[in-house]
Amino acid sequence: MVVKGNRRRNARLLGLLALPAILAAAGAWKGFRVSGLLAAGAGYSAQQTCACLWVSGRALESCRTDLDPLARRLISIRVGTDEVTASGFGIATATAKYEKGFGCSLRN
């Protein structure tokens, strides 16, 4: 009987120790995935908006309608001189620069 009690206690202890490790691993995986998605979204938004502004000659508000509704909420866009910088929560940032005759390309 004493052995069974020790096994149960050891099993509970192992479960309590394993739970934080499992949660930390799941959080890390989700964090890496989200940051990757934000980086892709920021790059796409910067390049698309840059081309819309300087290649197509449209206004910024018109260009924002080309983006996915979720991207419009999650990605902030800053327009500079011949370049557009897009940022997703400050985690991922991308800049696209316009060069006459070549169009827009990502810089980072």
C-alpha atoms as a PDB file:
ATOM      1  CA  MET A   1       0.000   0.000   0.000  1.00  0.00           C
ATOM      2  CA  VAL A   2       2.816   2.426   0.767  1.00  0.00           C
ATOM      3  CA  VAL A   3       4.299   1.861  -2.704  1.00  0.00           C
ATOM      4  CA  LYS A   4       1.020   2.771  -4.446  1.00  0.00           C
ATOM      5  CA  GLY A   5       0.819   6.042  -2.508  1.00  0.00           C
ATOM      6  CA  ASN A   6       4.350   6.969  -3.557  1.00  0.00           C
ATOM      7  CA  ARG A   7       3.582   6.183  -7.185  1.00  0.00           C
ATOM      8  CA  ARG A   8       0.504   8.401  -7.162  1.00  0.00           C
ATOM      9  CA  ARG A   9       2.390  11.226  -5.524  1.00  0.00           C
ATOM     10  CA  ASN A  10       5.253  10.850  -8.003  1.00  0.00           C
ATOM     11  CA  ALA A  11       2.812  10.803 -10.921  1.00  0.00           C
ATOM     12  CA  ARG A  12       1.125  13.998  -9.668  1.00  0.00           C
ATOM     13  CA  LEU A  13       4.471  15.680  -9.149  1.00  0.00           C
ATOM     14  CA  LEU A  14       5.599  14.697 -12.632  1.00  0.00           C
ATOM     15  CA  GLY A  15       2.334  16.029 -14.068  1.00  0.00           C
ATOM     16  CA  LEU A  16       2.731  19.315 -12.229  1.00  0.00           C
ATOM     17  CA  LEU A  17       6.290  19.682 -13.488  1.00  0.00           C
ATOM     18  CA  ALA A  18       5.438  18.706 -17.059  1.00  0.00           C
ATOM     19  CA  LEU A  19       2.470  21.075 -17.414  1.00  0.00           C
ATOM     20  CA  PRO A  20       4.486  24.357 -17.351  1.00  0.00           C
ATOM     21  CA  ALA A  21       7.007  22.884 -19.783  1.00  0.00           C
ATOM     22  CA  ILE A  22       4.236  21.899 -22.200  1.00  0.00           C
ATOM     23  CA  LEU A  23       2.579  25.320 -21.904  1.00  0.00           C
ATOM     24  CA  ALA A  24       5.899  27.113 -22.454  1.00  0.00           C
ATOM     25  CA  ALA A  25       6.627  25.032 -25.550  1.00  0.00           C
ATOM     26  CA  ALA A  26       3.147  25.715 -26.960  1.00  0.00           C
ATOM     27  CA  GLY A  27       3.517  29.444 -26.262  1.00  0.00           C
ATOM     28  CA  ALA A  28       6.929  29.583 -27.921  1.00  0.00           C
ATOM     29  CA  TRP A  29       5.647  27.781 -31.021  1.00  0.00           C
ATOM     30  CA  LYS A  30       2.677  30.093 -31.312  1.00  0.00           C
ATOM     31  CA  GLY A  31       4.874  33.153 -30.733  1.00  0.00           C
ATOM     32  CA  PHE A  32       7.274  32.198 -33.512  1.00  0.00           C
ATOM     33  CA  ARG A  33       4.392  31.488 -35.875  1.00  0.00           C
ATOM     34  CA  VAL A  34       2.684  34.807 -35.137  1.00  0.00           C
ATOM     35  CA  SER A  35       5.879  36.808 -35.588  1.00  0.00           C
ATOM     36  CA  GLY A  36       6.474  35.067 -38.928  1.00  0.00           C
ATOM     37  CA  LEU A  37       2.974  35.927 -40.086  1.00  0.00           C
ATOM     38  CA  LEU A  38       3.412  39.541 -39.001  1.00  0.00           C
ATOM     39  CA  ALA A  39       6.694  39.761 -40.920  1.00  0.00           C
ATOM     40  CA  ALA A  40       5.059  38.426 -44.072  1.00  0.00           C
ATOM     41  CA  GLY A  41       2.084  40.755 -43.620  1.00  0.00           C
ATOM     42  CA  ALA A  42       4.283  43.798 -43.045  1.00  0.00           C
ATOM     43  CA  GLY A  43       6.395  43.027 -46.122  1.00  0.00           C
ATOM     44  CA  TYR A  44       3.377  42.465 -48.334  1.00  0.00           C
ATOM     45  CA  SER A  45       1.639  45.615 -47.064  1.00  0.00           C
ATOM     46  CA  ALA A  46       4.736  47.787 -47.558  1.00  0.00           C
ATOM     47  CA  GLN A  47       5.404  46.555 -51.101  1.00  0.00           C
ATOM     48  CA  GLN A  48       1.745  46.621 -52.173  1.00  0.00           C
ATOM     49  CA  THR A  49       1.148  50.119 -50.787  1.00  0.00           C
ATOM     50  CA  CYS A  50       4.394  51.451 -52.272  1.00  0.00           C
ATOM     51  CA  ALA A  51       3.444  50.174 -55.739  1.00  0.00           C
ATOM     52  CA  CYS A  52      -0.088  51.474 -55.368  1.00  0.00           C
ATOM     53  CA  LEU A  53       1.113  54.968 -54.415  1.00  0.00           C
ATOM     54  CA  TRP A  54       3.990  55.537 -56.824  1.00  0.00           C
ATOM     55  CA  VAL A  55       3.468  53.102 -59.694  1.00  0.00           C
ATOM     56  CA  SER A  56      -0.328  53.437 -59.921  1.00  0.00           C
ATOM     57  CA  GLY A  57      -0.456  57.020 -58.619  1.00  0.00           C
ATOM     58  CA  ARG A  58      -3.393  56.418 -56.277  1.00  0.00           C
ATOM     59  CA  ALA A  59      -4.142  58.072 -52.926  1.00  0.00           C
ATOM     60  CA  LEU A  60      -3.207  56.343 -49.654  1.00  0.00           C
ATOM     61  CA  GLU A  61      -6.823  55.781 -48.592  1.00  0.00           C
ATOM     62  CA  SER A  62      -7.545  54.143 -51.940  1.00  0.00           C
ATOM     63  CA  CYS A  63      -4.473  51.919 -51.556  1.00  0.00           C
ATOM     64  CA  ARG A  64      -5.483  50.802 -48.059  1.00  0.00           C
ATOM     65  CA  THR A  65      -8.669  49.303 -49.487  1.00  0.00           C
ATOM     66  CA  ASP A  66      -6.496  46.864 -51.490  1.00  0.00           C
ATOM     67  CA  LEU A  67      -5.231  45.287 -48.270  1.00  0.00           C
ATOM     68  CA  ASP A  68      -7.022  42.490 -46.430  1.00  0.00           C
ATOM     69  CA  PRO A  69      -9.408  43.827 -43.754  1.00  0.00           C
ATOM     70  CA  LEU A  70      -7.391  42.063 -41.040  1.00  0.00           C
ATOM     71  CA  ALA A  71      -4.154  43.603 -42.336  1.00  0.00           C
ATOM     72  CA  ARG A  72      -5.766  47.051 -42.224  1.00  0.00           C
ATOM     73  CA  ARG A  73      -6.333  46.581 -38.488  1.00  0.00           C
ATOM     74  CA  LEU A  74      -3.066  44.847 -37.557  1.00  0.00           C
ATOM     75  CA  ILE A  75      -0.496  46.594 -39.787  1.00  0.00           C
ATOM     76  CA  SER A  76       0.325  50.300 -39.453  1.00  0.00           C
ATOM     77  CA  ILE A  77       1.641  52.112 -42.514  1.00  0.00           C
ATOM     78  CA  ARG A  78       3.947  55.140 -42.581  1.00  0.00           C
ATOM     79  CA  VAL A  79       4.587  56.878 -45.893  1.00  0.00           C
ATOM     80  CA  GLY A  80       7.885  58.656 -46.468  1.00  0.00           C
ATOM     81  CA  THR A  81       9.583  60.161 -49.493  1.00  0.00           C
ATOM     82  CA  ASP A  82       9.389  57.441 -52.151  1.00  0.00           C
ATOM     83  CA  GLU A  83       9.099  54.709 -49.508  1.00  0.00           C
ATOM     84  CA  VAL A  84       6.542  52.972 -47.329  1.00  0.00           C
ATOM     85  CA  THR A  85       7.220  51.381 -43.954  1.00  0.00           C
ATOM     86  CA  ALA A  86       4.728  48.886 -42.559  1.00  0.00           C
ATOM     87  CA  SER A  87       4.802  47.558 -39.015  1.00  0.00           C
ATOM     88  CA  GLY A  88       2.887  44.794 -37.267  1.00  0.00           C
ATOM     89  CA  PHE A  89       2.666  45.671 -33.547  1.00  0.00           C
ATOM     90  CA  GLY A  90       6.284  46.813 -33.690  1.00  0.00           C
ATOM     91  CA  ILE A  91       7.305  43.134 -33.821  1.00  0.00           C
ATOM     92  CA  ALA A  92       7.878  43.025 -37.569  1.00  0.00           C
ATOM     93  CA  THR A  93       8.754  45.996 -39.770  1.00  0.00           C
ATOM     94  CA  ALA A  94       9.336  46.184 -43.513  1.00  0.00           C
ATOM     95  CA  THR A  95      10.212  49.063 -45.832  1.00  0.00           C
ATOM     96  CA  ALA A  96       9.595  49.180 -49.573  1.00  0.00           C
ATOM     97  CA  LYS A  97      11.327  51.866 -51.645  1.00  0.00           C
ATOM     98  CA  TYR A  98      10.267  53.179 -55.045  1.00  0.00           C
ATOM     99  CA  GLU A  99      12.906  53.608 -57.742  1.00  0.00           C
ATOM    100  CA  LYS A 100      11.824  55.268 -60.957  1.00  0.00           C
ATOM    101  CA  GLY A 101      11.942  52.817 -63.845  1.00  0.00           C
ATOM    102  CA  PHE A 102      12.152  49.793 -61.518  1.00  0.00           C
ATOM    103  CA  GLY A 103       9.107  50.054 -59.271  1.00  0.00           C
ATOM    104  CA  CYS A 104       9.033  49.142 -55.579  1.00  0.00           C
ATOM    105  CA  SER A 105      11.171  46.627 -53.764  1.00  0.00           C
ATOM    106  CA  LEU A 106      11.596  45.604 -50.146  1.00  0.00           C
ATOM    107  CA  ARG A 107      14.673  46.957 -48.404  1.00  0.00           C
ATOM    108  CA  ASN A 108      14.711  44.788 -45.283  1.00  0.00           C
END
